[in-house]
Amino acid sequence: MGLFSRFIVRYKKRRKMKLYSIHVLHKDPTTANVRIFKSESDLSSFSYFQRSSVQEFMTFSSKLIVERSGLGTRSSVKENEYLLHCYVRNDGLSAVCVADLEYQQRVAMSFLGRVLDDFTNKVPAAQWAGIQKEKDCSYVGLRELLERWQNPREADPMTRVQEEVEETKMVMHNTIQSVLDRGEKLDDLVKKSENLSDQSKMFYTSARKMNKCCNYV
C-alpha cells in the first residue's frame, strides 16, 4: 500500500504509542466475502481536512488484509511508521487495528482478541448474517475499547499475551503489496475500490506521483 507511506505520513503530526483505528469484520468461510461490521478511529493527530480520506484508506486496507488472510491466522503489515495488525478467527470474525511502531505487536494482538471476545458476547453469531452494513450492527463497545487500549498498561495491567497467541504463528509482511496475489497491483485495487471516494483516490494518485518524483518509493 504505499497508502500510508505515500499519503498518510505526509499529513500526520507525530505522536508516540498510538492506536489509530479498529475494524471488526467478517469473512464468510464459504464465499470468502468480507463485510465490515463496525469501526472506530482516533484521527486527532492528522490534519483535519485529510481525516475523511485517512479513514477511508484505513477501512480499505483493513478489508483488503482480511480478504488476503486465511481463517485462524494472525498477521502484521508494516508500512513505514505504521503497523496494521490482523486477526482472523476460524469462524471468520476478524479484527484489524492500525497503530504506530511503538505499539507492541503482541499487545496489539491481545487487543484484537479482546475486541472479538467482547463483540461475540454482545452480538451472537446468529445475528451476523443480518449485518450487511455498519448501521445494521448494534455493537457499541468499540469506542470504549479503542480509548482504553491507547494505554495498554491501564487496559491490561500485566499487558499479558494470551497463550493462544504464542501457539499461533504470526506473520509479518513488509508492505501491503506483499500480501497481494502475484500479478495484482495496489494501484489497480485503489482505482476499482467502491469504498474510496474520488477525492481519496485523487490524493493517493497525487501523493504517489510526488513520492516517485522525490525518490521515496
N, C-alpha and C. Protein backbone atom coordinates (compact mmCIF):
# COMPACT_ATOMS: atom_id res chain seq x y z
N MET A 1 0.87 -1.17 0.00
CA MET A 1 0.00 0.00 0.00
C MET A 1 0.86 1.16 0.00
N GLY A 2 1.76 1.44 -0.38
CA GLY A 2 2.33 2.71 -0.11
C GLY A 2 1.26 3.61 0.36
N LEU A 3 0.04 3.14 0.73
CA LEU A 3 -1.04 4.04 1.13
C LEU A 3 -0.58 4.92 2.26
N PHE A 4 -0.04 4.33 3.32
CA PHE A 4 0.37 5.14 4.45
C PHE A 4 1.68 5.86 4.14
N SER A 5 2.61 5.13 3.52
CA SER A 5 3.90 5.75 3.24
C SER A 5 3.80 6.83 2.19
N ARG A 6 2.87 6.70 1.26
CA ARG A 6 2.78 7.67 0.17
C ARG A 6 1.81 8.80 0.49
N PHE A 7 0.90 8.56 1.40
CA PHE A 7 -0.15 9.55 1.59
C PHE A 7 -0.27 10.01 3.03
N ILE A 8 -0.63 9.08 3.92
CA ILE A 8 -0.95 9.47 5.28
C ILE A 8 0.22 10.10 6.00
N VAL A 9 1.41 9.55 5.79
CA VAL A 9 2.56 10.06 6.51
C VAL A 9 2.79 11.55 6.27
N ARG A 10 2.30 12.07 5.19
CA ARG A 10 2.53 13.47 4.86
C ARG A 10 1.72 14.41 5.74
N TYR A 11 0.60 13.92 6.28
CA TYR A 11 -0.32 14.81 6.98
C TYR A 11 -0.37 14.57 8.49
N LYS A 12 0.36 13.58 8.98
CA LYS A 12 0.27 13.23 10.37
C LYS A 12 1.19 14.08 11.23
N LYS A 13 0.68 14.51 12.39
CA LYS A 13 1.51 15.16 13.39
C LYS A 13 2.02 14.04 14.29
N ARG A 14 3.30 13.88 14.39
CA ARG A 14 3.90 12.72 15.04
C ARG A 14 3.50 12.61 16.50
N ARG A 15 3.11 11.38 16.90
CA ARG A 15 2.76 11.12 18.28
C ARG A 15 3.06 9.66 18.58
N LYS A 16 3.75 9.41 19.69
CA LYS A 16 4.20 8.06 20.01
C LYS A 16 3.07 7.20 20.59
N MET A 17 3.26 5.89 20.49
CA MET A 17 2.38 4.89 21.12
C MET A 17 0.92 5.19 20.85
N LYS A 18 0.47 4.88 19.67
CA LYS A 18 -0.87 5.30 19.27
C LYS A 18 -1.61 4.21 18.51
N LEU A 19 -2.90 4.07 18.85
CA LEU A 19 -3.83 3.27 18.07
C LEU A 19 -4.68 4.24 17.27
N TYR A 20 -4.75 4.04 15.96
CA TYR A 20 -5.48 4.97 15.11
C TYR A 20 -6.88 4.48 14.75
N SER A 21 -7.02 3.19 14.55
CA SER A 21 -8.34 2.69 14.18
C SER A 21 -8.49 1.22 14.53
N ILE A 22 -9.74 0.79 14.62
CA ILE A 22 -10.06 -0.61 14.86
C ILE A 22 -11.29 -0.95 14.02
N HIS A 23 -11.21 -2.06 13.30
CA HIS A 23 -12.33 -2.53 12.47
C HIS A 23 -12.69 -3.96 12.87
N VAL A 24 -13.97 -4.23 12.99
CA VAL A 24 -14.46 -5.59 13.19
C VAL A 24 -15.12 -6.00 11.88
N LEU A 25 -14.70 -7.13 11.33
CA LEU A 25 -15.19 -7.58 10.04
C LEU A 25 -15.58 -9.06 10.11
N HIS A 26 -16.18 -9.54 9.04
CA HIS A 26 -16.48 -10.98 8.97
C HIS A 26 -16.14 -11.49 7.59
N LYS A 27 -15.39 -12.58 7.57
CA LYS A 27 -15.04 -13.24 6.32
C LYS A 27 -15.83 -14.53 6.22
N ASP A 28 -16.70 -14.62 5.24
CA ASP A 28 -17.53 -15.80 5.07
C ASP A 28 -16.64 -17.01 4.76
N PRO A 29 -16.67 -18.04 5.60
CA PRO A 29 -15.82 -19.22 5.39
C PRO A 29 -16.06 -19.92 4.06
N THR A 30 -17.25 -19.75 3.50
CA THR A 30 -17.60 -20.43 2.25
C THR A 30 -17.27 -19.60 1.02
N THR A 31 -17.71 -18.33 1.03
CA THR A 31 -17.54 -17.49 -0.16
C THR A 31 -16.32 -16.58 -0.08
N ALA A 32 -15.74 -16.43 1.13
CA ALA A 32 -14.60 -15.53 1.37
C ALA A 32 -14.99 -14.06 1.24
N ASN A 33 -16.29 -13.78 1.12
CA ASN A 33 -16.75 -12.40 1.07
C ASN A 33 -16.53 -11.73 2.43
N VAL A 34 -16.04 -10.48 2.43
CA VAL A 34 -15.74 -9.77 3.67
C VAL A 34 -16.68 -8.59 3.86
N ARG A 35 -17.30 -8.55 5.03
CA ARG A 35 -18.17 -7.42 5.38
C ARG A 35 -17.62 -6.71 6.60
N ILE A 36 -17.78 -5.40 6.63
CA ILE A 36 -17.36 -4.61 7.78
C ILE A 36 -18.54 -4.49 8.74
N PHE A 37 -18.36 -4.99 9.96
CA PHE A 37 -19.43 -4.94 10.95
C PHE A 37 -19.43 -3.62 11.73
N LYS A 38 -18.24 -3.19 12.16
CA LYS A 38 -18.16 -1.98 12.98
C LYS A 38 -16.74 -1.42 12.92
N SER A 39 -16.62 -0.11 13.06
CA SER A 39 -15.29 0.53 13.06
C SER A 39 -15.30 1.77 13.94
N GLU A 40 -14.14 2.08 14.47
CA GLU A 40 -13.93 3.30 15.24
C GLU A 40 -12.52 3.79 14.97
N SER A 41 -12.30 5.08 15.13
CA SER A 41 -10.96 5.63 14.89
C SER A 41 -10.70 6.84 15.77
N ASP A 42 -9.42 7.12 15.94
CA ASP A 42 -8.96 8.34 16.62
C ASP A 42 -7.94 8.98 15.69
N LEU A 43 -8.40 9.94 14.91
CA LEU A 43 -7.55 10.58 13.90
C LEU A 43 -7.20 12.00 14.29
N SER A 44 -7.21 12.28 15.58
CA SER A 44 -6.94 13.64 16.05
C SER A 44 -5.53 14.11 15.73
N SER A 45 -4.62 13.18 15.47
CA SER A 45 -3.23 13.55 15.18
C SER A 45 -3.00 13.79 13.69
N PHE A 46 -4.06 13.74 12.89
CA PHE A 46 -3.95 14.03 11.47
C PHE A 46 -4.58 15.38 11.15
N SER A 47 -4.18 15.94 10.03
CA SER A 47 -4.76 17.19 9.57
C SER A 47 -6.28 17.05 9.46
N TYR A 48 -7.01 18.02 9.96
CA TYR A 48 -8.48 17.97 9.98
C TYR A 48 -9.04 17.73 8.58
N PHE A 49 -8.47 18.38 7.60
CA PHE A 49 -9.00 18.32 6.24
C PHE A 49 -8.70 17.00 5.54
N GLN A 50 -7.82 16.18 6.12
CA GLN A 50 -7.46 14.91 5.49
C GLN A 50 -8.06 13.71 6.21
N ARG A 51 -8.75 13.93 7.31
CA ARG A 51 -9.21 12.80 8.13
C ARG A 51 -10.17 11.88 7.41
N SER A 52 -11.05 12.43 6.60
CA SER A 52 -12.01 11.56 5.90
C SER A 52 -11.30 10.62 4.93
N SER A 53 -10.28 11.13 4.24
CA SER A 53 -9.53 10.28 3.32
C SER A 53 -8.68 9.26 4.07
N VAL A 54 -8.09 9.69 5.19
CA VAL A 54 -7.31 8.78 6.02
C VAL A 54 -8.20 7.64 6.49
N GLN A 55 -9.41 7.99 6.96
CA GLN A 55 -10.36 6.97 7.42
C GLN A 55 -10.71 5.99 6.32
N GLU A 56 -10.94 6.50 5.13
CA GLU A 56 -11.29 5.63 4.01
C GLU A 56 -10.16 4.67 3.67
N PHE A 57 -8.92 5.15 3.70
CA PHE A 57 -7.79 4.28 3.38
C PHE A 57 -7.58 3.23 4.46
N MET A 58 -7.84 3.58 5.72
CA MET A 58 -7.71 2.59 6.79
C MET A 58 -8.77 1.51 6.64
N THR A 59 -9.97 1.90 6.26
CA THR A 59 -11.04 0.93 6.04
C THR A 59 -10.72 0.05 4.84
N PHE A 60 -10.27 0.67 3.76
CA PHE A 60 -9.88 -0.07 2.56
C PHE A 60 -8.79 -1.09 2.88
N SER A 61 -7.77 -0.66 3.63
CA SER A 61 -6.64 -1.53 3.97
C SER A 61 -7.06 -2.67 4.87
N SER A 62 -7.92 -2.38 5.85
CA SER A 62 -8.37 -3.40 6.79
C SER A 62 -9.13 -4.50 6.06
N LYS A 63 -10.02 -4.12 5.18
CA LYS A 63 -10.79 -5.10 4.42
C LYS A 63 -9.88 -5.90 3.49
N LEU A 64 -8.92 -5.23 2.87
CA LEU A 64 -8.00 -5.89 1.95
C LEU A 64 -7.18 -6.96 2.66
N ILE A 65 -6.69 -6.64 3.85
CA ILE A 65 -5.86 -7.60 4.59
C ILE A 65 -6.67 -8.83 5.00
N VAL A 66 -7.91 -8.61 5.45
CA VAL A 66 -8.75 -9.75 5.82
C VAL A 66 -9.05 -10.61 4.61
N GLU A 67 -9.31 -9.97 3.47
CA GLU A 67 -9.58 -10.72 2.24
C GLU A 67 -8.40 -11.62 1.87
N ARG A 68 -7.19 -11.17 2.14
CA ARG A 68 -6.00 -11.93 1.74
C ARG A 68 -5.47 -12.82 2.87
N SER A 69 -6.17 -12.90 3.99
CA SER A 69 -5.73 -13.72 5.12
C SER A 69 -6.58 -14.97 5.24
N GLY A 70 -5.97 -16.06 5.68
CA GLY A 70 -6.70 -17.30 5.87
C GLY A 70 -7.40 -17.31 7.22
N LEU A 71 -8.34 -18.24 7.38
CA LEU A 71 -9.02 -18.39 8.65
C LEU A 71 -8.05 -18.89 9.72
N GLY A 72 -8.21 -18.41 10.94
CA GLY A 72 -7.36 -18.84 12.03
C GLY A 72 -5.94 -18.32 11.95
N THR A 73 -5.77 -17.12 11.40
CA THR A 73 -4.42 -16.56 11.25
C THR A 73 -4.29 -15.19 11.90
N ARG A 74 -3.07 -14.85 12.24
CA ARG A 74 -2.73 -13.53 12.75
C ARG A 74 -1.56 -13.01 11.91
N SER A 75 -1.60 -11.74 11.58
CA SER A 75 -0.52 -11.18 10.77
C SER A 75 -0.39 -9.69 11.04
N SER A 76 0.77 -9.16 10.71
CA SER A 76 1.02 -7.73 10.84
C SER A 76 1.67 -7.25 9.55
N VAL A 77 1.29 -6.06 9.11
CA VAL A 77 1.84 -5.48 7.89
C VAL A 77 2.45 -4.13 8.23
N LYS A 78 3.71 -3.96 7.89
CA LYS A 78 4.41 -2.71 8.19
C LYS A 78 4.40 -1.80 6.97
N GLU A 79 4.04 -0.55 7.19
CA GLU A 79 4.10 0.47 6.15
C GLU A 79 4.76 1.71 6.74
N ASN A 80 6.05 1.88 6.46
CA ASN A 80 6.81 2.99 7.03
C ASN A 80 6.67 3.01 8.54
N GLU A 81 6.04 4.06 9.10
CA GLU A 81 5.94 4.16 10.56
C GLU A 81 4.60 3.68 11.08
N TYR A 82 3.94 2.82 10.33
CA TYR A 82 2.64 2.27 10.72
C TYR A 82 2.67 0.76 10.69
N LEU A 83 1.84 0.15 11.54
CA LEU A 83 1.64 -1.29 11.53
C LEU A 83 0.16 -1.58 11.52
N LEU A 84 -0.25 -2.48 10.63
CA LEU A 84 -1.62 -2.95 10.59
C LEU A 84 -1.62 -4.37 11.13
N HIS A 85 -2.34 -4.60 12.21
CA HIS A 85 -2.39 -5.91 12.85
C HIS A 85 -3.73 -6.55 12.55
N CYS A 86 -3.72 -7.82 12.16
CA CYS A 86 -4.93 -8.51 11.73
C CYS A 86 -5.08 -9.86 12.43
N TYR A 87 -6.29 -10.14 12.89
CA TYR A 87 -6.62 -11.43 13.50
C TYR A 87 -7.92 -11.94 12.87
N VAL A 88 -7.83 -13.07 12.19
CA VAL A 88 -9.00 -13.69 11.57
C VAL A 88 -9.27 -15.01 12.29
N ARG A 89 -10.39 -15.10 12.97
CA ARG A 89 -10.72 -16.33 13.70
C ARG A 89 -11.20 -17.42 12.75
N ASN A 90 -11.29 -18.63 13.26
CA ASN A 90 -11.74 -19.75 12.44
C ASN A 90 -13.19 -19.61 11.99
N ASP A 91 -13.99 -18.86 12.75
CA ASP A 91 -15.39 -18.66 12.36
C ASP A 91 -15.56 -17.48 11.42
N GLY A 92 -14.44 -16.85 11.03
CA GLY A 92 -14.48 -15.74 10.09
C GLY A 92 -14.55 -14.37 10.72
N LEU A 93 -14.90 -14.28 12.01
CA LEU A 93 -14.93 -12.98 12.67
C LEU A 93 -13.50 -12.45 12.75
N SER A 94 -13.31 -11.20 12.36
CA SER A 94 -11.96 -10.65 12.23
C SER A 94 -11.87 -9.26 12.84
N ALA A 95 -10.65 -8.87 13.15
CA ALA A 95 -10.40 -7.52 13.63
C ALA A 95 -9.06 -7.04 13.09
N VAL A 96 -9.01 -5.76 12.73
CA VAL A 96 -7.79 -5.14 12.24
C VAL A 96 -7.62 -3.80 12.92
N CYS A 97 -6.44 -3.54 13.44
CA CYS A 97 -6.15 -2.24 14.02
C CYS A 97 -4.94 -1.63 13.33
N VAL A 98 -4.92 -0.31 13.26
CA VAL A 98 -3.78 0.43 12.72
C VAL A 98 -3.11 1.14 13.89
N ALA A 99 -1.81 0.95 14.03
CA ALA A 99 -1.08 1.53 15.15
C ALA A 99 0.27 2.06 14.67
N ASP A 100 0.96 2.79 15.54
CA ASP A 100 2.31 3.22 15.20
C ASP A 100 3.30 2.13 15.61
N LEU A 101 4.57 2.34 15.29
CA LEU A 101 5.57 1.31 15.54
C LEU A 101 5.86 1.12 17.02
N GLU A 102 5.50 2.09 17.85
CA GLU A 102 5.75 1.99 19.27
C GLU A 102 4.79 1.03 19.96
N TYR A 103 3.67 0.75 19.30
CA TYR A 103 2.66 -0.14 19.89
C TYR A 103 3.06 -1.58 19.62
N GLN A 104 3.37 -2.32 20.67
CA GLN A 104 3.93 -3.66 20.52
C GLN A 104 2.96 -4.62 19.82
N GLN A 105 3.52 -5.46 18.98
CA GLN A 105 2.72 -6.38 18.19
C GLN A 105 1.90 -7.32 19.07
N ARG A 106 2.51 -7.87 20.08
CA ARG A 106 1.80 -8.84 20.91
C ARG A 106 0.68 -8.18 21.72
N VAL A 107 0.91 -6.94 22.13
CA VAL A 107 -0.15 -6.22 22.84
C VAL A 107 -1.30 -5.93 21.88
N ALA A 108 -0.96 -5.57 20.64
CA ALA A 108 -1.99 -5.31 19.63
C ALA A 108 -2.83 -6.56 19.38
N MET A 109 -2.18 -7.73 19.33
CA MET A 109 -2.91 -8.97 19.11
C MET A 109 -3.81 -9.29 20.30
N SER A 110 -3.35 -8.97 21.50
CA SER A 110 -4.17 -9.16 22.68
C SER A 110 -5.39 -8.25 22.63
N PHE A 111 -5.18 -7.03 22.17
CA PHE A 111 -6.27 -6.06 21.99
C PHE A 111 -7.30 -6.60 21.00
N LEU A 112 -6.84 -7.12 19.87
CA LEU A 112 -7.76 -7.64 18.86
C LEU A 112 -8.57 -8.82 19.42
N GLY A 113 -7.92 -9.67 20.18
CA GLY A 113 -8.63 -10.79 20.79
C GLY A 113 -9.70 -10.32 21.76
N ARG A 114 -9.37 -9.29 22.54
CA ARG A 114 -10.33 -8.74 23.49
C ARG A 114 -11.53 -8.12 22.76
N VAL A 115 -11.26 -7.44 21.66
CA VAL A 115 -12.34 -6.83 20.87
C VAL A 115 -13.28 -7.90 20.34
N LEU A 116 -12.73 -8.97 19.77
CA LEU A 116 -13.57 -10.02 19.19
C LEU A 116 -14.35 -10.78 20.26
N ASP A 117 -13.75 -10.98 21.42
CA ASP A 117 -14.46 -11.63 22.51
C ASP A 117 -15.64 -10.78 22.97
N ASP A 118 -15.40 -9.48 23.12
CA ASP A 118 -16.46 -8.58 23.56
C ASP A 118 -17.58 -8.50 22.52
N PHE A 119 -17.19 -8.46 21.25
CA PHE A 119 -18.17 -8.40 20.17
C PHE A 119 -19.04 -9.65 20.18
N THR A 120 -18.41 -10.82 20.31
CA THR A 120 -19.15 -12.08 20.30
C THR A 120 -20.12 -12.17 21.47
N ASN A 121 -19.70 -11.68 22.64
CA ASN A 121 -20.56 -11.71 23.82
C ASN A 121 -21.80 -10.84 23.65
N LYS A 122 -21.65 -9.73 22.91
CA LYS A 122 -22.75 -8.78 22.77
C LYS A 122 -23.54 -8.95 21.47
N VAL A 123 -22.91 -9.54 20.47
CA VAL A 123 -23.59 -9.78 19.19
C VAL A 123 -23.40 -11.25 18.83
N PRO A 124 -24.32 -12.11 19.20
CA PRO A 124 -24.21 -13.55 18.93
C PRO A 124 -24.07 -13.85 17.44
N ALA A 125 -23.42 -14.96 17.14
CA ALA A 125 -23.18 -15.35 15.75
C ALA A 125 -24.47 -15.47 14.95
N ALA A 126 -25.55 -15.78 15.62
CA ALA A 126 -26.83 -15.93 14.93
C ALA A 126 -27.30 -14.63 14.28
N GLN A 127 -26.75 -13.50 14.75
CA GLN A 127 -27.16 -12.20 14.22
C GLN A 127 -26.26 -11.72 13.07
N TRP A 128 -25.15 -12.36 12.85
CA TRP A 128 -24.16 -11.85 11.90
C TRP A 128 -24.68 -11.81 10.46
N ALA A 129 -25.49 -12.78 10.10
CA ALA A 129 -25.99 -12.83 8.72
C ALA A 129 -26.83 -11.60 8.38
N GLY A 130 -27.43 -10.99 9.38
CA GLY A 130 -28.27 -9.82 9.15
C GLY A 130 -27.52 -8.51 9.09
N ILE A 131 -26.20 -8.56 9.29
CA ILE A 131 -25.39 -7.34 9.26
C ILE A 131 -24.77 -7.18 7.88
N GLN A 132 -25.32 -6.28 7.10
CA GLN A 132 -24.79 -6.01 5.76
C GLN A 132 -23.96 -4.73 5.75
N LYS A 133 -24.31 -3.79 6.63
CA LYS A 133 -23.59 -2.53 6.75
C LYS A 133 -23.43 -2.20 8.23
N GLU A 134 -22.56 -1.25 8.53
CA GLU A 134 -22.30 -0.90 9.92
C GLU A 134 -23.56 -0.47 10.66
N LYS A 135 -24.45 0.22 9.97
CA LYS A 135 -25.67 0.70 10.62
C LYS A 135 -26.57 -0.44 11.08
N ASP A 136 -26.36 -1.64 10.51
CA ASP A 136 -27.14 -2.80 10.90
C ASP A 136 -26.63 -3.45 12.17
N CYS A 137 -25.45 -3.05 12.61
CA CYS A 137 -24.79 -3.68 13.77
C CYS A 137 -25.08 -2.90 15.04
N SER A 138 -25.56 -3.59 16.05
CA SER A 138 -25.95 -2.95 17.31
C SER A 138 -24.80 -2.79 18.30
N TYR A 139 -23.63 -3.30 17.96
CA TYR A 139 -22.48 -3.27 18.89
C TYR A 139 -22.03 -1.83 19.16
N VAL A 140 -21.84 -1.51 20.45
CA VAL A 140 -21.46 -0.14 20.82
C VAL A 140 -20.20 -0.08 21.68
N GLY A 141 -19.48 -1.18 21.82
CA GLY A 141 -18.33 -1.19 22.73
C GLY A 141 -17.00 -0.81 22.13
N LEU A 142 -16.96 -0.54 20.82
CA LEU A 142 -15.67 -0.35 20.15
C LEU A 142 -14.97 0.94 20.55
N ARG A 143 -15.69 2.02 20.66
CA ARG A 143 -15.09 3.31 21.04
C ARG A 143 -14.42 3.22 22.41
N GLU A 144 -15.10 2.61 23.36
CA GLU A 144 -14.54 2.48 24.71
C GLU A 144 -13.27 1.64 24.71
N LEU A 145 -13.27 0.55 23.97
CA LEU A 145 -12.08 -0.30 23.91
C LEU A 145 -10.91 0.42 23.23
N LEU A 146 -11.19 1.16 22.17
CA LEU A 146 -10.13 1.89 21.47
C LEU A 146 -9.50 2.91 22.41
N GLU A 147 -10.31 3.62 23.17
CA GLU A 147 -9.78 4.62 24.10
C GLU A 147 -9.00 3.97 25.23
N ARG A 148 -9.51 2.86 25.78
CA ARG A 148 -8.86 2.21 26.90
C ARG A 148 -7.51 1.63 26.51
N TRP A 149 -7.43 1.06 25.30
CA TRP A 149 -6.20 0.40 24.89
C TRP A 149 -5.17 1.36 24.29
N GLN A 150 -5.45 2.66 24.31
CA GLN A 150 -4.41 3.62 23.96
C GLN A 150 -3.26 3.51 24.95
N ASN A 151 -3.60 3.10 26.17
CA ASN A 151 -2.59 2.85 27.19
C ASN A 151 -2.73 1.40 27.63
N PRO A 152 -1.98 0.49 27.02
CA PRO A 152 -2.14 -0.94 27.30
C PRO A 152 -2.00 -1.31 28.77
N ARG A 153 -1.17 -0.61 29.51
CA ARG A 153 -0.96 -0.96 30.91
C ARG A 153 -2.19 -0.66 31.76
N GLU A 154 -2.99 0.30 31.31
CA GLU A 154 -4.24 0.58 32.02
C GLU A 154 -5.33 -0.40 31.59
N ALA A 155 -5.31 -0.77 30.32
CA ALA A 155 -6.31 -1.70 29.81
C ALA A 155 -6.08 -3.10 30.36
N ASP A 156 -4.82 -3.49 30.48
CA ASP A 156 -4.45 -4.80 30.98
C ASP A 156 -3.16 -4.63 31.77
N PRO A 157 -3.24 -4.47 33.10
CA PRO A 157 -2.09 -4.14 33.95
C PRO A 157 -0.85 -4.98 33.68
N MET A 158 -1.03 -6.23 33.32
CA MET A 158 0.14 -7.09 33.09
C MET A 158 0.52 -7.13 31.63
N THR A 159 -0.26 -6.45 30.78
CA THR A 159 -0.04 -6.47 29.32
C THR A 159 0.35 -7.87 28.86
N ARG A 160 -0.33 -8.84 29.42
CA ARG A 160 0.00 -10.24 29.10
C ARG A 160 -0.62 -10.64 27.77
N VAL A 161 0.00 -11.55 27.13
CA VAL A 161 -0.50 -12.08 25.87
C VAL A 161 -1.11 -13.44 26.14
N GLN A 162 -2.28 -13.67 25.63
CA GLN A 162 -2.93 -14.95 25.85
C GLN A 162 -2.08 -16.05 25.24
N GLU A 163 -2.11 -17.22 25.87
CA GLU A 163 -1.28 -18.33 25.43
C GLU A 163 -1.53 -18.69 23.97
N GLU A 164 -2.78 -18.49 23.53
CA GLU A 164 -3.09 -18.87 22.15
C GLU A 164 -2.29 -18.05 21.15
N VAL A 165 -1.90 -16.85 21.53
CA VAL A 165 -1.11 -16.02 20.64
C VAL A 165 0.25 -16.67 20.41
N GLU A 166 0.80 -17.23 21.48
CA GLU A 166 2.10 -17.87 21.37
C GLU A 166 1.99 -19.12 20.49
N GLU A 167 0.83 -19.78 20.52
CA GLU A 167 0.67 -21.02 19.80
C GLU A 167 0.33 -20.80 18.33
N THR A 168 -0.06 -19.59 17.99
CA THR A 168 -0.44 -19.29 16.62
C THR A 168 0.68 -18.52 15.94
N LYS A 169 1.07 -18.97 14.80
CA LYS A 169 2.14 -18.31 14.07
C LYS A 169 1.68 -16.94 13.59
N MET A 170 2.45 -15.91 13.94
CA MET A 170 2.14 -14.55 13.50
C MET A 170 3.06 -14.20 12.33
N VAL A 171 2.47 -13.79 11.24
CA VAL A 171 3.21 -13.48 10.03
C VAL A 171 3.44 -11.97 9.92
N MET A 172 4.64 -11.58 9.59
CA MET A 172 4.95 -10.17 9.41
C MET A 172 5.21 -9.90 7.93
N HIS A 173 4.47 -8.94 7.37
CA HIS A 173 4.67 -8.53 5.98
C HIS A 173 5.31 -7.14 5.98
N ASN A 174 6.20 -6.90 5.03
CA ASN A 174 6.87 -5.61 4.97
C ASN A 174 6.01 -4.51 4.38
N THR A 175 5.12 -4.88 3.47
CA THR A 175 4.25 -3.89 2.84
C THR A 175 2.92 -4.54 2.51
N ILE A 176 1.91 -3.72 2.26
CA ILE A 176 0.62 -4.22 1.83
C ILE A 176 0.78 -4.97 0.50
N GLN A 177 1.63 -4.47 -0.37
CA GLN A 177 1.83 -5.11 -1.67
C GLN A 177 2.22 -6.57 -1.52
N SER A 178 2.94 -6.89 -0.45
CA SER A 178 3.43 -8.25 -0.26
C SER A 178 2.31 -9.23 0.09
N VAL A 179 1.14 -8.75 0.50
CA VAL A 179 0.04 -9.66 0.83
C VAL A 179 -0.86 -9.91 -0.39
N LEU A 180 -0.62 -9.19 -1.46
CA LEU A 180 -1.45 -9.35 -2.66
C LEU A 180 -1.02 -10.58 -3.45
N ASP A 181 -1.94 -11.07 -4.25
CA ASP A 181 -1.62 -12.21 -5.10
C ASP A 181 -0.67 -11.77 -6.20
N ARG A 182 0.09 -12.71 -6.72
CA ARG A 182 1.05 -12.40 -7.78
C ARG A 182 0.32 -11.78 -8.97
N GLY A 183 0.84 -10.69 -9.44
CA GLY A 183 0.24 -10.02 -10.59
C GLY A 183 -0.72 -8.91 -10.21
N GLU A 184 -1.16 -8.90 -8.95
CA GLU A 184 -2.05 -7.83 -8.50
C GLU A 184 -1.25 -6.57 -8.22
N LYS A 185 -1.85 -5.42 -8.50
CA LYS A 185 -1.21 -4.15 -8.22
C LYS A 185 -2.11 -3.32 -7.31
N LEU A 186 -1.52 -2.74 -6.30
CA LEU A 186 -2.28 -1.94 -5.36
C LEU A 186 -2.96 -0.77 -6.04
N ASP A 187 -2.27 -0.16 -6.98
CA ASP A 187 -2.85 0.98 -7.70
C ASP A 187 -4.18 0.61 -8.35
N ASP A 188 -4.23 -0.61 -8.92
CA ASP A 188 -5.45 -1.06 -9.59
C ASP A 188 -6.57 -1.29 -8.58
N LEU A 189 -6.23 -1.84 -7.40
CA LEU A 189 -7.24 -2.09 -6.38
C LEU A 189 -7.80 -0.78 -5.83
N VAL A 190 -6.93 0.22 -5.68
CA VAL A 190 -7.38 1.53 -5.22
C VAL A 190 -8.33 2.13 -6.23
N LYS A 191 -7.98 2.02 -7.50
CA LYS A 191 -8.79 2.60 -8.57
C LYS A 191 -10.17 1.96 -8.63
N LYS A 192 -10.26 0.65 -8.40
CA LYS A 192 -11.51 -0.07 -8.52
C LYS A 192 -12.35 -0.04 -7.24
N SER A 193 -11.74 0.34 -6.12
CA SER A 193 -12.43 0.26 -4.84
C SER A 193 -13.69 1.13 -4.78
N GLU A 194 -14.77 0.54 -4.27
CA GLU A 194 -16.01 1.28 -4.07
C GLU A 194 -16.04 1.95 -2.71
N ASN A 195 -15.06 1.61 -1.85
CA ASN A 195 -15.02 2.17 -0.50
C ASN A 195 -14.24 3.48 -0.43
N LEU A 196 -13.59 3.85 -1.55
CA LEU A 196 -12.81 5.08 -1.58
C LEU A 196 -13.51 6.12 -2.43
N SER A 197 -13.59 7.33 -1.93
CA SER A 197 -14.21 8.41 -2.68
C SER A 197 -13.26 8.87 -3.78
N ASP A 198 -13.78 9.60 -4.74
CA ASP A 198 -12.95 10.12 -5.82
C ASP A 198 -11.86 11.04 -5.25
N GLN A 199 -12.20 11.77 -4.20
CA GLN A 199 -11.23 12.69 -3.59
C GLN A 199 -10.06 11.90 -3.00
N SER A 200 -10.36 10.80 -2.29
CA SER A 200 -9.30 9.99 -1.70
C SER A 200 -8.42 9.36 -2.77
N LYS A 201 -9.04 8.89 -3.85
CA LYS A 201 -8.27 8.31 -4.94
C LYS A 201 -7.35 9.36 -5.57
N MET A 202 -7.85 10.59 -5.69
CA MET A 202 -7.06 11.66 -6.26
C MET A 202 -5.86 11.98 -5.37
N PHE A 203 -6.08 12.00 -4.05
CA PHE A 203 -4.99 12.25 -3.12
C PHE A 203 -3.94 11.15 -3.20
N TYR A 204 -4.41 9.91 -3.31
CA TYR A 204 -3.48 8.79 -3.40
C TYR A 204 -2.61 8.91 -4.64
N THR A 205 -3.24 9.18 -5.78
CA THR A 205 -2.51 9.31 -7.04
C THR A 205 -1.53 10.46 -7.00
N SER A 206 -1.96 11.58 -6.43
CA SER A 206 -1.10 12.76 -6.34
C SER A 206 0.10 12.50 -5.44
N ALA A 207 -0.16 11.89 -4.28
CA ALA A 207 0.92 11.61 -3.34
C ALA A 207 1.91 10.61 -3.93
N ARG A 208 1.41 9.63 -4.68
CA ARG A 208 2.28 8.63 -5.29
C ARG A 208 3.21 9.28 -6.31
N LYS A 209 2.67 10.20 -7.09
CA LYS A 209 3.50 10.88 -8.08
C LYS A 209 4.56 11.74 -7.42
N MET A 210 4.17 12.40 -6.33
CA MET A 210 5.13 13.24 -5.60
C MET A 210 6.23 12.39 -5.01
N ASN A 211 5.88 11.21 -4.49
CA ASN A 211 6.88 10.34 -3.90
C ASN A 211 7.84 9.80 -4.94
N LYS A 212 7.28 9.47 -6.12
CA LYS A 212 8.16 9.00 -7.20
C LYS A 212 9.14 10.08 -7.58
N CYS A 213 8.61 11.30 -7.63
CA CYS A 213 9.44 12.42 -8.02
C CYS A 213 10.58 12.62 -7.02
N CYS A 214 10.27 12.40 -5.76
CA CYS A 214 11.25 12.62 -4.70
C CYS A 214 12.02 11.35 -4.35
N ASN A 215 11.82 10.26 -5.13
CA ASN A 215 12.52 9.00 -4.92
C ASN A 215 12.25 8.39 -3.55
N TYR A 216 11.03 8.56 -3.04
CA TYR A 216 10.68 7.94 -1.76
C TYR A 216 10.12 6.54 -1.96
N VAL A 217 9.79 6.14 -3.17
CA VAL A 217 9.19 4.83 -3.40
C VAL A 217 10.27 3.86 -3.87
